[in-house]
Protein backbone atom coordinates (compact mmCIF):
# COMPACT_ATOMS: atom_id res chain seq x y z
CA MET A 1 58.59 -0.22 64.41
CA ALA A 2 61.34 -1.94 63.13
CA LYS A 3 62.13 1.22 60.95
CA ILE A 4 62.34 3.24 63.70
CA LYS A 5 64.42 0.75 65.91
CA SER A 6 66.93 0.90 62.66
CA TYR A 7 67.84 4.75 63.37
CA VAL A 8 68.45 3.83 67.66
CA PRO A 9 72.17 2.58 67.51
CA GLY A 10 73.59 5.54 65.31
CA ILE A 11 71.61 8.03 67.46
CA LEU A 12 72.89 6.37 70.44
CA LEU A 13 76.32 6.55 69.47
CA SER A 14 75.93 10.23 68.08
CA PHE A 15 74.64 11.53 71.29
CA GLY A 16 77.32 9.81 73.30
CA ILE A 17 80.05 11.41 71.19
CA ALA A 18 78.30 14.48 72.03
CA LEU A 19 78.41 14.05 75.24
CA ILE A 20 81.83 12.85 75.83
CA SER A 21 83.20 16.18 73.82
CA VAL A 22 80.99 18.21 76.31
CA LEU A 23 82.67 16.68 79.54
CA ILE A 24 86.47 16.79 77.90
CA ASN A 25 85.70 20.25 77.44
CA GLU A 26 84.74 20.57 81.01
CA ILE A 27 87.64 19.19 82.09
CA LEU A 28 90.03 21.00 79.85
CA PRO A 29 91.10 23.92 82.06
CA VAL A 30 90.75 26.44 79.31
CA ASP A 31 88.32 26.18 76.21
CA LEU A 32 90.95 25.28 73.83
CA ILE A 33 89.10 24.12 70.50
CA GLY A 34 85.25 23.68 71.56
CA ILE A 35 83.14 20.81 72.03
CA ALA A 36 81.92 20.88 68.20
CA LEU A 37 85.78 20.25 67.45
CA ILE A 38 86.40 18.07 69.99
CA ALA A 39 83.31 15.82 68.47
CA LEU A 40 84.46 16.13 65.18
CA ILE A 41 88.10 14.58 66.05
CA ILE A 42 86.62 11.98 68.22
CA GLY A 43 84.16 10.84 65.07
CA MET A 44 86.67 10.77 62.76
CA LEU A 45 89.03 8.84 65.13
CA LEU A 46 86.31 6.34 65.40
CA ASN A 47 85.39 6.25 62.09
CA PRO A 48 87.60 3.09 60.93
CA PHE A 49 85.76 1.12 63.57
CA THR A 50 81.81 2.24 62.76
CA SER A 51 82.25 2.16 58.99
CA LYS A 52 82.42 -1.67 59.71
CA TYR A 53 78.93 -1.53 60.87
CA ASN A 54 76.03 -0.97 58.24
CA SER A 55 73.73 -0.93 61.57
CA LEU A 56 74.86 2.67 62.72
CA ASP A 57 74.63 4.32 59.43
CA GLN A 58 70.85 5.21 59.41
CA GLY A 59 71.13 6.74 62.79
CA ILE A 60 74.33 8.64 61.88
CA ASN A 61 73.00 9.50 58.27
CA LEU A 62 70.05 11.15 60.52
CA THR A 63 72.33 13.09 62.91
CA SER A 64 74.90 14.56 60.56
CA LYS A 65 71.60 15.75 58.10
CA ARG A 66 68.76 16.59 59.77
CA ILE A 67 69.38 17.38 63.68
CA LEU A 68 72.08 18.74 62.76
CA ARG A 69 69.94 21.32 60.58
CA LEU A 70 67.79 21.50 63.62
CA GLY A 71 71.02 22.40 65.72
CA ILE A 72 71.90 25.56 63.40
CA ILE A 73 67.96 26.65 62.97
CA LEU A 74 67.53 26.80 67.29
CA ALA A 75 71.20 28.52 66.88
CA GLY A 76 69.64 31.13 65.33
CA ILE A 77 66.91 31.45 67.73
CA THR A 78 69.75 33.00 69.85
CA LEU A 79 70.63 35.88 67.28
CA SER A 80 68.52 39.14 66.69
CA PHE A 81 67.71 40.44 63.38
CA ALA A 82 69.63 43.30 63.47
CA GLU A 83 73.05 41.24 63.84
CA VAL A 84 71.83 38.72 60.93
CA PHE A 85 71.23 41.92 58.69
CA LYS A 86 74.37 43.23 59.68
CA VAL A 87 76.48 40.17 58.91
CA GLY A 88 74.75 39.30 55.32
CA LYS A 89 75.42 42.87 54.33
CA TYR A 90 79.45 41.82 54.55
CA ALA A 91 78.55 38.55 53.79
CA LEU A 92 77.49 39.41 49.91
CA ILE A 93 80.32 41.51 49.71
CA LEU A 94 82.57 38.92 50.62
CA MET A 95 80.96 36.24 48.58
CA ALA A 96 80.90 38.08 45.78
CA PHE A 97 84.45 38.23 45.74
CA THR A 98 85.56 34.82 47.09
CA LEU A 99 83.27 33.53 44.30
CA THR A 100 84.91 35.70 41.42
CA THR A 101 88.25 35.11 42.81
CA THR A 102 87.65 31.05 42.73
CA PHE A 103 86.45 30.40 39.31
CA VAL A 104 89.41 33.28 37.60
CA VAL A 105 92.12 31.54 39.49
CA SER A 106 90.62 28.34 38.62
CA TYR A 107 90.43 29.28 35.07
CA PHE A 108 94.54 29.88 35.17
CA CYS A 109 95.63 26.94 36.89
CA ARG A 110 93.46 25.22 34.58
CA LYS A 111 95.37 26.29 31.79
CA VAL A 112 98.85 26.04 33.68
CA LEU A 113 98.47 22.91 34.98
CA LYS A 114 96.71 20.98 32.22
CA ILE A 115 93.63 20.36 34.42
CA ASN A 116 90.46 19.03 32.83
CA TRP A 117 87.43 21.38 32.67
CA LYS A 118 85.24 18.95 34.94
CA LEU A 119 87.87 18.71 37.57
CA SER A 120 88.43 22.04 37.63
CA ASN A 121 85.10 22.85 38.37
CA LEU A 122 84.18 20.43 40.77
CA LEU A 123 87.25 21.68 42.94
CA SER A 124 86.17 25.56 42.39
CA VAL A 125 82.07 24.95 43.34
CA SER A 126 83.24 23.01 46.39
CA THR A 127 85.51 25.91 47.53
CA ALA A 128 83.38 28.87 46.79
CA ILE A 129 79.65 27.49 47.91
CA CYS A 130 79.39 24.30 49.87
CA GLY A 131 82.14 21.75 49.79
CA GLY A 132 80.91 18.06 49.02
CA ALA A 133 77.11 19.13 48.53
CA ALA A 134 78.10 21.00 45.70
CA VAL A 135 80.97 18.45 44.13
CA ALA A 136 77.83 15.89 44.55
CA THR A 137 75.24 18.27 43.17
CA LEU A 138 77.29 19.35 39.99
CA GLY A 139 79.09 15.70 39.45
CA PRO A 140 76.05 14.32 37.63
CA VAL A 141 75.10 17.08 35.75
CA ILE A 142 78.50 18.08 33.95
CA GLU A 143 78.63 14.09 33.64
CA ALA A 144 82.36 13.85 35.68
CA LYS A 145 84.61 10.89 36.17
CA ASN A 146 83.74 8.72 39.36
CA LYS A 147 87.86 9.43 40.36
CA ASP A 148 87.53 13.52 39.40
CA ILE A 149 84.37 13.25 42.25
CA ALA A 150 86.55 11.44 44.31
CA TYR A 151 89.56 13.93 44.39
CA ALA A 152 87.37 17.13 44.75
CA LEU A 153 85.57 15.24 47.79
CA SER A 154 89.40 14.19 48.86
CA ALA A 155 90.56 17.42 48.31
CA THR A 156 87.46 19.15 50.10
CA PHE A 157 88.03 16.85 52.97
CA ILE A 158 91.58 17.69 53.59
CA PHE A 159 91.34 21.36 53.54
CA ASP A 160 88.49 21.48 55.77
CA LEU A 161 90.41 19.39 58.41
CA LEU A 162 93.41 21.71 58.13
CA THR A 163 90.87 24.65 58.64
CA VAL A 164 89.06 23.66 61.05
CA ILE A 165 91.89 22.95 63.36
CA ALA A 166 94.21 25.94 62.55
CA PHE A 167 91.46 28.80 62.15
CA PRO A 168 90.13 29.43 66.13
CA TRP A 169 93.93 29.37 67.03
CA PHE A 170 95.00 31.75 63.97
CA GLY A 171 92.01 34.08 64.53
CA MET A 172 92.70 33.88 68.57
CA LEU A 173 96.46 34.85 67.91
CA ILE A 174 95.72 38.01 65.47
CA GLY A 175 92.55 39.18 67.33
CA LEU A 176 89.76 39.01 65.25
CA SER A 177 86.18 39.67 66.68
CA ASP A 178 83.36 37.55 66.80
CA THR A 179 81.98 39.07 63.28
CA SER A 180 85.32 39.03 61.64
CA TYR A 181 86.13 35.59 62.54
CA GLY A 182 82.22 34.65 62.01
CA LEU A 183 82.16 36.26 58.48
CA TRP A 184 85.73 34.98 57.55
CA VAL A 185 84.94 31.22 58.84
CA GLY A 186 81.72 31.49 56.76
CA THR A 187 83.64 32.47 53.77
CA ALA A 188 86.18 30.43 53.89
CA VAL A 189 85.62 27.09 55.16
CA ASN A 190 83.66 24.57 52.76
CA ASP A 191 81.46 21.90 54.65
CA THR A 192 78.55 23.07 56.82
CA SER A 193 79.41 20.71 59.73
CA SER A 194 83.38 22.23 59.55
CA VAL A 195 81.90 25.84 59.86
CA VAL A 196 80.09 24.72 62.67
CA ALA A 197 83.02 23.20 64.22
CA ALA A 198 85.63 26.14 63.25
CA GLY A 199 82.92 28.70 64.28
CA TYR A 200 82.09 27.86 67.67
CA ALA A 201 85.33 26.47 68.85
CA PHE A 202 86.01 30.35 68.86
CA SER A 203 83.18 31.52 70.50
CA GLU A 204 79.19 31.04 70.36
CA ALA A 205 78.57 34.02 68.35
CA SER A 206 81.13 33.66 65.80
CA GLY A 207 79.85 29.77 65.30
CA ALA A 208 76.46 31.53 64.92
CA LEU A 209 77.41 34.26 62.53
CA ALA A 210 79.38 31.84 60.57
CA THR A 211 77.28 29.30 60.08
CA ILE A 212 74.49 31.77 58.93
CA VAL A 213 77.16 32.95 56.27
CA LYS A 214 78.00 29.45 55.09
CA LEU A 215 73.97 28.91 54.50
CA THR A 216 73.95 31.99 52.75
CA ARG A 217 76.67 30.48 50.44
CA THR A 218 74.77 27.08 49.85
CA LEU A 219 72.18 29.22 48.08
CA PHE A 220 74.25 29.80 45.49
CA ILE A 221 74.75 26.30 44.30
CA VAL A 222 71.26 26.60 42.23
CA PRO A 223 72.13 29.34 39.86
CA ILE A 224 76.05 28.22 39.59
CA VAL A 225 74.85 24.44 38.76
CA LEU A 226 72.66 25.72 36.24
CA ILE A 227 75.27 28.17 34.08
CA LEU A 228 77.55 25.63 34.46
CA SER A 229 75.44 22.91 33.12
CA TRP A 230 74.02 25.49 30.43
CA ILE A 231 78.35 25.72 29.47
CA TYR A 232 78.64 21.88 29.78
CA ALA A 233 75.87 21.55 26.67
CA LYS A 234 76.86 23.79 25.02
CA ARG A 235 80.71 22.37 24.89
CA LYS A 236 78.94 18.67 24.64
CA LYS A 237 77.31 20.12 21.74
CA LYS A 238 80.09 21.73 20.38
CA ASN A 239 82.55 18.65 20.49
CA ASN A 240 80.08 16.54 19.38
CA GLU A 241 79.43 18.93 15.91
CA THR A 242 83.66 18.74 15.14
CA VAL A 243 83.66 14.64 15.65
CA THR A 244 81.01 14.58 13.19
CA ARG A 245 82.93 16.84 10.55
């Protein structure tokens, strides 16, 4: 019972933010940025105050991870398999292109800007796959320094914030369809929560499709981490052999 009670404060706070976001969206004369983005902004404004209270952590973590994932699953119920297969076909093409482009650009930036191998790959997986989750997964595997992990996470957060605010407006400005916008956001935005916010700020359909594309991207974290861990092991072995000589 005590364990259940420890979740209550954070869950109530999250529910309150969601309710306030819905009310604000209803009060606004037009659907400017969507409920998800309003909730994200409120959460960011409250973070300096809520982070002081450890009693909120468990409930917030539960809602931001498990309940968010449940919401994504429920959102999928509104889609037909025809829509999913239609999007998936284009999503795989886009992901193949973005993965290749990201790591090629990262390689040249590393050479030109003299960025260390670990940091450049943390930034690459963050951009190409799934933001902070990819950084947190890859960091320990390649024995990255804490400052490199923190830098990659900070860069991810900053760019996610900018894209969540700018993408819905830009999508409307250039007249993207729900499918085109969903593909774009699902491929370009890093973190899952940011994809949800940016996608649903445009429309319900684009939000659901963007989420599917993002979750498909996330599947690539396993092979990419395995490949990079193998490369790191080879580099480490080579460096050790050089030192012993």
